[in-house]
Amino acid sequence: MTPPREEQPAEDVEVGDTSTSTSSLSLYEETKFMMECAFLMFLVPDLRALAKQGELEGDSETIQRLIDLPCSAYEAYSVYEQNFEKISKAIDSEERSEMYLSAIRARAFAREQVEERQDMLEDGSLVVFDDEKSEEELVYGVGVNRRYKFVVVAFRGSVSHQDFIQDAKIFVSTVPNPVEDLEEVGDRIGVHLGFQEYLFGRDGTTGLQSRTNVSDEKRDINVVTSSPAKKRKADIITDTVAEIFQEHPDYRLYVTGHSLGGALSCLFTFSAAVAPDDVIPKPVTCITTGAPKVSSG
């Protein structure tokens, strides 16, 4: 989920000529970039909803990429800045509107620094965005950065009524401890019920899920996104990133989010970290902001 690149024919792009290890990024750069991704999770659903209604102004091809994907984060920001007044009026929450305004002001202040790292911000794409039932289920996106060889899973924070209902389910749910080596923790652990249900479902299931096939011509990544009824969100996301890692086993995984999104990030990171290495390469890095406590431990 990164801001845009100059358009070039796919055959002119050689991934091997541009890739750089994530180890070349400082902790500050990693954190700053993940916070950009976390903010995008609030912005993109509103943009996509208005785009589907034909309400956005700007370059029609860019707007269509926002719907169909892949789309760069810079393109999303550009469309947003062009349509800020319209989006602010369309948002039915004064608090959300003010949050967006504050974030845009902060981003404008940091724009010069962002442009200094344009190489990092250009070489990525938002390839999956699940907001089909944004008022009923959690919202997440998956992005890939080719230059720095990483995959990002980002979760949206609390926005919908259902989000706040899940936040309020503060009871502790005891679940099997997936890390068998940690004997001192015991064979079961306590997890926030609302967060656990949202990501892993009730009784191990969650709502019906339908996703669109996506591809990025620069990366030749094709994510098969059909899913059976009642498949858990955590499994859907894992399947998606696992298919990317099958083609790019040298990439690494980052997980991020704000508020509720940060809590879901923590739980998903824990799940991803104990997945087989041939499914998700290690380490898995989780960078969140404002994340509430997810466990009783």
C-alpha atoms as a PDB file:
ATOM      1  CA  MET A   1       0.000   0.000   0.000  1.00  0.00           C
ATOM      2  CA  THR A   2       2.289   2.660  -1.216  1.00  0.00           C
ATOM      3  CA  PRO A   3       2.032   5.860  -3.186  1.00  0.00           C
ATOM      4  CA  PRO A   4       2.344   5.734  -6.935  1.00  0.00           C
ATOM      5  CA  ARG A   5       4.953   5.044  -9.455  1.00  0.00           C
ATOM      6  CA  GLU A   6       5.401   6.486 -12.902  1.00  0.00           C
ATOM      7  CA  GLU A   7       3.561   4.228 -15.320  1.00  0.00           C
ATOM      8  CA  GLN A   8       5.884   2.080 -17.423  1.00  0.00           C
ATOM      9  CA  PRO A   9       5.300  -0.942 -19.615  1.00  0.00           C
ATOM     10  CA  ALA A  10       5.546  -4.102 -17.571  1.00  0.00           C
ATOM     11  CA  GLU A  11       8.318  -5.490 -19.767  1.00  0.00           C
ATOM     12  CA  ASP A  12      10.519  -2.498 -18.936  1.00  0.00           C
ATOM     13  CA  VAL A  13      10.490  -3.270 -15.237  1.00  0.00           C
ATOM     14  CA  GLU A  14      13.004  -5.712 -13.837  1.00  0.00           C
ATOM     15  CA  VAL A  15      12.286  -6.540 -10.227  1.00  0.00           C
ATOM     16  CA  GLY A  16      15.788  -7.850  -9.742  1.00  0.00           C
ATOM     17  CA  ASP A  17      17.244  -4.478 -10.741  1.00  0.00           C
ATOM     18  CA  THR A  18      15.264  -2.469  -8.190  1.00  0.00           C
ATOM     19  CA  SER A  19      14.751  -4.682  -5.153  1.00  0.00           C
ATOM     20  CA  THR A  20      16.338  -3.832  -1.837  1.00  0.00           C
ATOM     21  CA  SER A  21      16.196  -5.662   1.463  1.00  0.00           C
ATOM     22  CA  THR A  22      13.934  -4.324   4.202  1.00  0.00           C
ATOM     23  CA  SER A  23      17.034  -4.305   6.397  1.00  0.00           C
ATOM     24  CA  SER A  24      18.053  -1.105   4.594  1.00  0.00           C
ATOM     25  CA  LEU A  25      15.090   0.681   6.192  1.00  0.00           C
ATOM     26  CA  SER A  26      15.518   2.310   9.574  1.00  0.00           C
ATOM     27  CA  LEU A  27      13.047   1.613  12.378  1.00  0.00           C
ATOM     28  CA  TYR A  28      11.729   5.146  11.903  1.00  0.00           C
ATOM     29  CA  GLU A  29      11.131   4.550   8.197  1.00  0.00           C
ATOM     30  CA  GLU A  30       9.408   1.237   8.855  1.00  0.00           C
ATOM     31  CA  THR A  31       7.164   2.766  11.509  1.00  0.00           C
ATOM     32  CA  LYS A  32       6.326   5.852   9.464  1.00  0.00           C
ATOM     33  CA  PHE A  33       5.389   3.764   6.468  1.00  0.00           C
ATOM     34  CA  MET A  34       3.199   1.425   8.529  1.00  0.00           C
ATOM     35  CA  MET A  35       1.361   4.432   9.987  1.00  0.00           C
ATOM     36  CA  GLU A  36       0.645   5.622   6.442  1.00  0.00           C
ATOM     37  CA  CYS A  37      -0.850   2.197   5.752  1.00  0.00           C
ATOM     38  CA  ALA A  38      -2.907   2.305   8.951  1.00  0.00           C
ATOM     39  CA  PHE A  39      -4.381   5.676   7.945  1.00  0.00           C
ATOM     40  CA  LEU A  40      -5.199   4.389   4.478  1.00  0.00           C
ATOM     41  CA  MET A  41      -7.466   1.790   6.059  1.00  0.00           C
ATOM     42  CA  PHE A  42      -9.822   4.569   7.173  1.00  0.00           C
ATOM     43  CA  LEU A  43      -9.592   6.459   3.906  1.00  0.00           C
ATOM     44  CA  VAL A  44      -9.881   3.801   1.200  1.00  0.00           C
ATOM     45  CA  PRO A  45     -13.358   2.373   2.031  1.00  0.00           C
ATOM     46  CA  ASP A  46     -14.960   5.825   1.723  1.00  0.00           C
ATOM     47  CA  LEU A  47     -13.049   6.540  -1.480  1.00  0.00           C
ATOM     48  CA  ARG A  48     -14.035   3.222  -3.032  1.00  0.00           C
ATOM     49  CA  ALA A  49     -17.686   3.641  -2.072  1.00  0.00           C
ATOM     50  CA  LEU A  50     -17.879   7.060  -3.757  1.00  0.00           C
ATOM     51  CA  ALA A  51     -15.865   5.793  -6.742  1.00  0.00           C
ATOM     52  CA  LYS A  52     -18.370   2.964  -7.297  1.00  0.00           C
ATOM     53  CA  GLN A  53     -21.176   5.532  -7.218  1.00  0.00           C
ATOM     54  CA  GLY A  54     -19.384   7.651  -9.823  1.00  0.00           C
ATOM     55  CA  GLU A  55     -19.127  10.579  -7.403  1.00  0.00           C
ATOM     56  CA  LEU A  56     -15.383  11.244  -7.517  1.00  0.00           C
ATOM     57  CA  GLU A  57     -13.621  13.816  -9.680  1.00  0.00           C
ATOM     58  CA  GLY A  58     -10.222  13.311 -11.244  1.00  0.00           C
ATOM     59  CA  ASP A  59      -8.479  10.988 -13.645  1.00  0.00           C
ATOM     60  CA  SER A  60     -10.970   8.281 -14.604  1.00  0.00           C
ATOM     61  CA  GLU A  61      -8.326   5.576 -15.026  1.00  0.00           C
ATOM     62  CA  THR A  62      -6.907   6.235 -11.573  1.00  0.00           C
ATOM     63  CA  ILE A  63     -10.361   6.121 -10.021  1.00  0.00           C
ATOM     64  CA  GLN A  64     -11.092   2.846 -11.803  1.00  0.00           C
ATOM     65  CA  ARG A  65      -7.832   1.368 -10.487  1.00  0.00           C
ATOM     66  CA  LEU A  66      -9.004   2.287  -7.012  1.00  0.00           C
ATOM     67  CA  ILE A  67     -12.035   0.071  -7.597  1.00  0.00           C
ATOM     68  CA  ASP A  68     -10.472  -2.796  -9.548  1.00  0.00           C
ATOM     69  CA  LEU A  69      -6.974  -2.846  -8.004  1.00  0.00           C
ATOM     70  CA  PRO A  70      -4.012  -2.853  -7.992  1.00  0.00           C
ATOM     71  CA  CYS A  71      -3.718   0.789  -7.007  1.00  0.00           C
ATOM     72  CA  SER A  72      -0.911   2.679  -5.313  1.00  0.00           C
ATOM     73  CA  ALA A  73      -1.444   4.519  -2.052  1.00  0.00           C
ATOM     74  CA  TYR A  74      -0.191   7.749  -3.593  1.00  0.00           C
ATOM     75  CA  GLU A  75      -2.959   7.491  -6.170  1.00  0.00           C
ATOM     76  CA  ALA A  76      -5.487   7.003  -3.379  1.00  0.00           C
ATOM     77  CA  TYR A  77      -4.152  10.045  -1.526  1.00  0.00           C
ATOM     78  CA  SER A  78      -4.230  12.114  -4.723  1.00  0.00           C
ATOM     79  CA  VAL A  79      -7.861  11.234  -5.424  1.00  0.00           C
ATOM     80  CA  TYR A  80      -8.720  11.994  -1.810  1.00  0.00           C
ATOM     81  CA  GLU A  81      -7.065  15.409  -1.850  1.00  0.00           C
ATOM     82  CA  GLN A  82      -8.924  16.272  -5.067  1.00  0.00           C
ATOM     83  CA  ASN A  83     -12.238  15.287  -3.509  1.00  0.00           C
ATOM     84  CA  PHE A  84     -11.756  16.282   0.124  1.00  0.00           C
ATOM     85  CA  GLU A  85     -14.783  18.597   0.299  1.00  0.00           C
ATOM     86  CA  LYS A  86     -17.055  16.020  -1.295  1.00  0.00           C
ATOM     87  CA  ILE A  87     -15.825  13.200   0.924  1.00  0.00           C
ATOM     88  CA  SER A  88     -16.190  15.319   4.059  1.00  0.00           C
ATOM     89  CA  LYS A  89     -19.822  16.006   3.213  1.00  0.00           C
ATOM     90  CA  ALA A  90     -20.478  12.367   2.411  1.00  0.00           C
ATOM     91  CA  ILE A  91     -19.096  11.137   5.722  1.00  0.00           C
ATOM     92  CA  ASP A  92     -21.905  10.946   8.252  1.00  0.00           C
ATOM     93  CA  SER A  93     -19.594  11.323  11.229  1.00  0.00           C
ATOM     94  CA  GLU A  94     -18.109  14.663  12.261  1.00  0.00           C
ATOM     95  CA  GLU A  95     -15.423  12.815  14.213  1.00  0.00           C
ATOM     96  CA  ARG A  96     -14.325  10.840  11.141  1.00  0.00           C
ATOM     97  CA  SER A  97     -14.266  13.980   9.014  1.00  0.00           C
ATOM     98  CA  GLU A  98     -12.076  15.795  11.542  1.00  0.00           C
ATOM     99  CA  MET A  99      -9.779  12.773  11.777  1.00  0.00           C
ATOM    100  CA  TYR A 100      -9.262  12.829   8.007  1.00  0.00           C
ATOM    101  CA  LEU A 101      -8.588  16.554   8.022  1.00  0.00           C
ATOM    102  CA  SER A 102      -6.017  16.234  10.801  1.00  0.00           C
ATOM    103  CA  ALA A 103      -4.292  13.390   9.002  1.00  0.00           C
ATOM    104  CA  ILE A 104      -4.090  15.316   5.722  1.00  0.00           C
ATOM    105  CA  ARG A 105      -2.621  18.321   7.542  1.00  0.00           C
ATOM    106  CA  ALA A 106      -0.029  16.092   9.195  1.00  0.00           C
ATOM    107  CA  ARG A 107       0.801  14.462   5.894  1.00  0.00           C
ATOM    108  CA  ALA A 108       1.171  17.855   4.169  1.00  0.00           C
ATOM    109  CA  PHE A 109       3.601  18.893   6.909  1.00  0.00           C
ATOM    110  CA  ALA A 110       5.654  15.749   6.291  1.00  0.00           C
ATOM    111  CA  ARG A 111       5.355  15.793   2.489  1.00  0.00           C
ATOM    112  CA  GLU A 112       8.933  16.927   1.935  1.00  0.00           C
ATOM    113  CA  GLN A 113      10.238  14.028   4.008  1.00  0.00           C
ATOM    114  CA  VAL A 114       7.929  11.637   2.177  1.00  0.00           C
ATOM    115  CA  GLU A 115       9.197  12.792  -1.183  1.00  0.00           C
ATOM    116  CA  GLU A 116      12.755  12.168  -0.043  1.00  0.00           C
ATOM    117  CA  ARG A 117      11.780   8.501   0.245  1.00  0.00           C
ATOM    118  CA  GLN A 118       9.864   8.446  -3.033  1.00  0.00           C
ATOM    119  CA  ASP A 119      11.731   5.330  -4.147  1.00  0.00           C
ATOM    120  CA  MET A 120      10.140   3.388  -1.278  1.00  0.00           C
ATOM    121  CA  LEU A 121       6.705   4.887  -1.856  1.00  0.00           C
ATOM    122  CA  GLU A 122       6.614   4.368  -5.610  1.00  0.00           C
ATOM    123  CA  ASP A 123       7.222   0.653  -5.839  1.00  0.00           C
ATOM    124  CA  GLY A 124       4.171  -0.799  -4.210  1.00  0.00           C
ATOM    125  CA  SER A 125       0.556  -1.646  -4.807  1.00  0.00           C
ATOM    126  CA  LEU A 126      -2.633  -2.241  -2.885  1.00  0.00           C
ATOM    127  CA  VAL A 127      -3.609  -5.618  -4.350  1.00  0.00           C
ATOM    128  CA  VAL A 128      -6.502  -6.781  -2.138  1.00  0.00           C
ATOM    129  CA  PHE A 129      -9.040  -4.703  -0.253  1.00  0.00           C
ATOM    130  CA  ASP A 130     -11.937  -6.347   1.543  1.00  0.00           C
ATOM    131  CA  ASP A 131     -14.646  -3.771   2.217  1.00  0.00           C
ATOM    132  CA  GLU A 132     -17.658  -5.505   0.655  1.00  0.00           C
ATOM    133  CA  LYS A 133     -19.359  -5.693   4.055  1.00  0.00           C
ATOM    134  CA  SER A 134     -17.621  -2.794   5.740  1.00  0.00           C
ATOM    135  CA  GLU A 135     -20.555  -2.104   8.064  1.00  0.00           C
ATOM    136  CA  GLU A 136     -20.813  -5.719   9.230  1.00  0.00           C
ATOM    137  CA  GLU A 137     -17.321  -7.216   9.179  1.00  0.00           C
ATOM    138  CA  LEU A 138     -13.710  -6.215   9.728  1.00  0.00           C
ATOM    139  CA  VAL A 139     -11.996  -4.366   6.889  1.00  0.00           C
ATOM    140  CA  TYR A 140      -8.469  -5.191   5.758  1.00  0.00           C
ATOM    141  CA  GLY A 141      -6.102  -4.625   2.871  1.00  0.00           C
ATOM    142  CA  VAL A 142      -3.030  -6.378   1.497  1.00  0.00           C
ATOM    143  CA  GLY A 143      -0.240  -4.486  -0.213  1.00  0.00           C
ATOM    144  CA  VAL A 144       3.118  -5.410  -1.738  1.00  0.00           C
ATOM    145  CA  ASN A 145       6.286  -3.347  -2.063  1.00  0.00           C
ATOM    146  CA  ARG A 146       8.586  -4.711  -4.745  1.00  0.00           C
ATOM    147  CA  ARG A 147      11.617  -2.548  -4.052  1.00  0.00           C
ATOM    148  CA  TYR A 148      11.862  -3.378  -0.366  1.00  0.00           C
ATOM    149  CA  LYS A 149      10.455  -6.882  -0.705  1.00  0.00           C
ATOM    150  CA  PHE A 150       7.657  -6.863   1.808  1.00  0.00           C
ATOM    151  CA  VAL A 151       3.968  -7.643   2.104  1.00  0.00           C
ATOM    152  CA  VAL A 152       1.707  -5.525   4.327  1.00  0.00           C
ATOM    153  CA  VAL A 153      -1.545  -6.652   5.930  1.00  0.00           C
ATOM    154  CA  ALA A 154      -3.402  -3.656   7.380  1.00  0.00           C
ATOM    155  CA  PHE A 155      -6.633  -3.630   9.390  1.00  0.00           C
ATOM    156  CA  ARG A 156      -9.073  -0.721   9.712  1.00  0.00           C
ATOM    157  CA  GLY A 157      -9.774   0.721  13.156  1.00  0.00           C
ATOM    158  CA  SER A 158     -13.205   1.285  14.692  1.00  0.00           C
ATOM    159  CA  VAL A 159     -15.653   2.995  12.335  1.00  0.00           C
ATOM    160  CA  SER A 160     -18.885   1.007  11.977  1.00  0.00           C
ATOM    161  CA  HIS A 161     -21.472   0.161  14.625  1.00  0.00           C
ATOM    162  CA  GLN A 162     -20.361  -3.467  14.405  1.00  0.00           C
ATOM    163  CA  ASP A 163     -16.752  -2.439  15.038  1.00  0.00           C
ATOM    164  CA  PHE A 164     -17.776  -0.762  18.290  1.00  0.00           C
ATOM    165  CA  ILE A 165     -19.925  -3.722  19.286  1.00  0.00           C
ATOM    166  CA  GLN A 166     -16.902  -5.976  18.930  1.00  0.00           C
ATOM    167  CA  ASP A 167     -14.796  -3.479  20.897  1.00  0.00           C
ATOM    168  CA  ALA A 168     -17.325  -3.638  23.731  1.00  0.00           C
ATOM    169  CA  LYS A 169     -17.189  -7.438  24.048  1.00  0.00           C
ATOM    170  CA  ILE A 170     -14.541  -7.221  26.739  1.00  0.00           C
ATOM    171  CA  PHE A 171     -15.052 -10.710  28.109  1.00  0.00           C
ATOM    172  CA  VAL A 172     -12.124 -13.104  27.958  1.00  0.00           C
ATOM    173  CA  SER A 173     -12.371 -16.036  25.568  1.00  0.00           C
ATOM    174  CA  THR A 174     -10.079 -18.959  26.347  1.00  0.00           C
ATOM    175  CA  VAL A 175      -8.549 -20.549  23.267  1.00  0.00           C
ATOM    176  CA  PRO A 176      -5.884 -23.201  22.676  1.00  0.00           C
ATOM    177  CA  ASN A 177      -2.351 -21.869  22.970  1.00  0.00           C
ATOM    178  CA  PRO A 178      -0.865 -22.233  19.456  1.00  0.00           C
ATOM    179  CA  VAL A 179       2.696 -22.002  20.779  1.00  0.00           C
ATOM    180  CA  GLU A 180       3.230 -25.431  22.276  1.00  0.00           C
ATOM    181  CA  ASP A 181       6.785 -24.579  23.297  1.00  0.00           C
ATOM    182  CA  LEU A 182       5.620 -22.026  25.870  1.00  0.00           C
ATOM    183  CA  GLU A 183       4.751 -24.491  28.586  1.00  0.00           C
ATOM    184  CA  GLU A 184       4.834 -21.805  31.278  1.00  0.00           C
ATOM    185  CA  VAL A 185       1.840 -20.136  29.601  1.00  0.00           C
ATOM    186  CA  GLY A 186      -0.279 -23.258  29.636  1.00  0.00           C
ATOM    187  CA  ASP A 187      -2.253 -25.028  26.941  1.00  0.00           C
ATOM    188  CA  ARG A 188      -4.922 -22.307  26.840  1.00  0.00           C
ATOM    189  CA  ILE A 189      -4.717 -18.508  26.730  1.00  0.00           C
ATOM    190  CA  GLY A 190      -7.223 -15.707  27.335  1.00  0.00           C
ATOM    191  CA  VAL A 191      -8.128 -13.409  24.432  1.00  0.00           C
ATOM    192  CA  HIS A 192     -10.520 -10.431  24.114  1.00  0.00           C
ATOM    193  CA  LEU A 193     -13.777 -12.018  22.938  1.00  0.00           C
ATOM    194  CA  GLY A 194     -14.763  -9.290  20.461  1.00  0.00           C
ATOM    195  CA  PHE A 195     -11.427  -9.209  18.678  1.00  0.00           C
ATOM    196  CA  GLN A 196     -11.230 -13.013  18.634  1.00  0.00           C
ATOM    197  CA  GLU A 197     -14.703 -13.311  17.066  1.00  0.00           C
ATOM    198  CA  TYR A 198     -14.033 -10.674  14.430  1.00  0.00           C
ATOM    199  CA  LEU A 199     -10.873 -12.333  13.136  1.00  0.00           C
ATOM    200  CA  PHE A 200     -11.442 -16.004  13.888  1.00  0.00           C
ATOM    201  CA  GLY A 201     -15.244 -16.112  14.007  1.00  0.00           C
ATOM    202  CA  ARG A 202     -17.720 -17.634  16.398  1.00  0.00           C
ATOM    203  CA  ASP A 203     -17.183 -21.352  16.731  1.00  0.00           C
ATOM    204  CA  GLY A 204     -14.313 -21.029  14.270  1.00  0.00           C
ATOM    205  CA  THR A 205     -16.337 -19.404  11.470  1.00  0.00           C
ATOM    206  CA  THR A 206     -17.168 -15.947  10.251  1.00  0.00           C
ATOM    207  CA  GLY A 207     -19.511 -14.438   7.682  1.00  0.00           C
ATOM    208  CA  LEU A 208     -19.643 -15.285   4.001  1.00  0.00           C
ATOM    209  CA  GLN A 209     -16.755 -13.815   2.100  1.00  0.00           C
ATOM    210  CA  SER A 210     -16.362 -13.009  -1.570  1.00  0.00           C
ATOM    211  CA  ARG A 211     -13.192 -11.534  -3.028  1.00  0.00           C
ATOM    212  CA  THR A 212     -12.184 -10.526  -6.510  1.00  0.00           C
ATOM    213  CA  ASN A 213      -9.286 -12.051  -8.407  1.00  0.00           C
ATOM    214  CA  VAL A 214      -6.442  -9.565  -8.387  1.00  0.00           C
ATOM    215  CA  SER A 215      -3.142  -9.297 -10.186  1.00  0.00           C
ATOM    216  CA  ASP A 216      -0.277  -6.865 -10.596  1.00  0.00           C
ATOM    217  CA  GLU A 217       1.325  -6.968 -14.005  1.00  0.00           C
ATOM    218  CA  LYS A 218       4.664  -5.766 -12.633  1.00  0.00           C
ATOM    219  CA  ARG A 219       4.887  -8.580 -10.121  1.00  0.00           C
ATOM    220  CA  ASP A 220       3.048 -11.306 -12.018  1.00  0.00           C
ATOM    221  CA  ILE A 221       1.215 -12.057  -8.767  1.00  0.00           C
ATOM    222  CA  ASN A 222      -2.159 -13.712  -9.195  1.00  0.00           C
ATOM    223  CA  VAL A 223      -4.074 -14.151  -5.963  1.00  0.00           C
ATOM    224  CA  VAL A 224      -6.837 -16.747  -6.184  1.00  0.00           C
ATOM    225  CA  THR A 225      -9.483 -15.249  -3.943  1.00  0.00           C
ATOM    226  CA  SER A 226     -12.560 -17.451  -4.094  1.00  0.00           C
ATOM    227  CA  SER A 227     -13.471 -18.785  -0.658  1.00  0.00           C
ATOM    228  CA  PRO A 228     -15.966 -21.234   0.777  1.00  0.00           C
ATOM    229  CA  ALA A 229     -18.883 -20.184   2.944  1.00  0.00           C
ATOM    230  CA  LYS A 230     -18.100 -19.318   6.547  1.00  0.00           C
ATOM    231  CA  LYS A 231     -14.353 -19.317   6.072  1.00  0.00           C
ATOM    232  CA  ARG A 232     -12.548 -17.464   8.836  1.00  0.00           C
ATOM    233  CA  LYS A 233     -11.188 -14.022   7.986  1.00  0.00           C
ATOM    234  CA  ALA A 234      -7.821 -15.006   9.443  1.00  0.00           C
ATOM    235  CA  ASP A 235      -7.635 -17.988   7.080  1.00  0.00           C
ATOM    236  CA  ILE A 236      -8.674 -15.912   4.066  1.00  0.00           C
ATOM    237  CA  ILE A 237      -5.926 -13.384   4.769  1.00  0.00           C
ATOM    238  CA  THR A 238      -3.365 -16.110   5.409  1.00  0.00           C
ATOM    239  CA  ASP A 239      -4.257 -17.824   2.129  1.00  0.00           C
ATOM    240  CA  THR A 240      -3.887 -14.525   0.276  1.00  0.00           C
ATOM    241  CA  VAL A 241      -0.435 -13.675   1.612  1.00  0.00           C
ATOM    242  CA  ALA A 242       0.705 -17.311   1.356  1.00  0.00           C
ATOM    243  CA  GLU A 243       0.068 -17.245  -2.396  1.00  0.00           C
ATOM    244  CA  ILE A 244       2.163 -14.089  -2.704  1.00  0.00           C
ATOM    245  CA  PHE A 245       4.969 -15.695  -0.705  1.00  0.00           C
ATOM    246  CA  GLN A 246       4.869 -18.756  -2.951  1.00  0.00           C
ATOM    247  CA  GLU A 247       6.075 -16.526  -5.773  1.00  0.00           C
ATOM    248  CA  HIS A 248       8.242 -14.309  -3.581  1.00  0.00           C
ATOM    249  CA  PRO A 249       9.637 -16.401  -0.700  1.00  0.00           C
ATOM    250  CA  ASP A 250      12.324 -13.792   0.019  1.00  0.00           C
ATOM    251  CA  TYR A 251       9.729 -11.147   0.954  1.00  0.00           C
ATOM    252  CA  ARG A 252       8.768 -10.545   4.583  1.00  0.00           C
ATOM    253  CA  LEU A 253       5.452  -9.779   6.273  1.00  0.00           C
ATOM    254  CA  TYR A 254       4.419  -6.629   8.128  1.00  0.00           C
ATOM    255  CA  VAL A 255       1.083  -6.234   9.914  1.00  0.00           C
ATOM    256  CA  THR A 256      -0.339  -2.873  10.979  1.00  0.00           C
ATOM    257  CA  GLY A 257      -3.430  -1.020  12.118  1.00  0.00           C
ATOM    258  CA  HIS A 258      -4.785   1.650  14.441  1.00  0.00           C
ATOM    259  CA  SER A 259      -7.113   1.110  17.419  1.00  0.00           C
ATOM    260  CA  LEU A 260      -9.281  -1.933  16.656  1.00  0.00           C
ATOM    261  CA  GLY A 261      -7.039  -2.435  13.626  1.00  0.00           C
ATOM    262  CA  GLY A 262      -4.043  -2.589  15.929  1.00  0.00           C
ATOM    263  CA  ALA A 263      -5.712  -5.233  18.101  1.00  0.00           C
ATOM    264  CA  LEU A 264      -6.571  -7.345  15.058  1.00  0.00           C
ATOM    265  CA  SER A 265      -2.992  -6.872  13.842  1.00  0.00           C
ATOM    266  CA  CYS A 266      -1.626  -8.289  17.096  1.00  0.00           C
ATOM    267  CA  LEU A 267      -3.861 -11.353  16.899  1.00  0.00           C
ATOM    268  CA  PHE A 268      -3.158 -11.961  13.219  1.00  0.00           C
ATOM    269  CA  THR A 269       0.589 -11.543  13.771  1.00  0.00           C
ATOM    270  CA  PHE A 270       0.489 -14.168  16.513  1.00  0.00           C
ATOM    271  CA  SER A 271      -1.359 -16.521  14.171  1.00  0.00           C
ATOM    272  CA  ALA A 272       0.994 -15.826  11.249  1.00  0.00           C
ATOM    273  CA  ALA A 273       4.090 -16.253  13.411  1.00  0.00           C
ATOM    274  CA  VAL A 274       3.170 -19.850  14.264  1.00  0.00           C
ATOM    275  CA  ALA A 275       2.228 -20.766  10.685  1.00  0.00           C
ATOM    276  CA  PRO A 276       4.675 -23.108   8.911  1.00  0.00           C
ATOM    277  CA  ASP A 277       7.673 -21.292   7.450  1.00  0.00           C
ATOM    278  CA  ASP A 278       6.804 -22.525   3.960  1.00  0.00           C
ATOM    279  CA  VAL A 279       3.434 -20.764   4.303  1.00  0.00           C
ATOM    280  CA  ILE A 280       4.585 -17.475   5.861  1.00  0.00           C
ATOM    281  CA  PRO A 281       8.317 -16.638   6.045  1.00  0.00           C
ATOM    282  CA  LYS A 282       9.667 -15.385   9.354  1.00  0.00           C
ATOM    283  CA  PRO A 283      10.048 -13.030  11.051  1.00  0.00           C
ATOM    284  CA  VAL A 284       6.627 -11.365  11.045  1.00  0.00           C
ATOM    285  CA  THR A 285       6.750  -7.713  12.121  1.00  0.00           C
ATOM    286  CA  CYS A 286       3.783  -6.017  13.819  1.00  0.00           C
ATOM    287  CA  ILE A 287       3.733  -2.188  14.078  1.00  0.00           C
ATOM    288  CA  THR A 288       0.561  -0.646  15.522  1.00  0.00           C
ATOM    289  CA  THR A 289      -0.693   2.574  17.062  1.00  0.00           C
ATOM    290  CA  GLY A 290      -3.363   2.946  19.738  1.00  0.00           C
ATOM    291  CA  ALA A 291      -3.903  -0.801  19.973  1.00  0.00           C
ATOM    292  CA  PRO A 292      -5.913  -1.951  23.006  1.00  0.00           C
ATOM    293  CA  LYS A 293      -4.921  -4.977  25.042  1.00  0.00           C
ATOM    294  CA  VAL A 294      -5.899  -8.217  23.313  1.00  0.00           C
ATOM    295  CA  SER A 295      -5.097 -10.785  25.960  1.00  0.00           C
ATOM    296  CA  SER A 296      -5.472 -11.424  29.668  1.00  0.00           C
ATOM    297  CA  GLY A 297      -1.771 -12.242  29.970  1.00  0.00           C
END
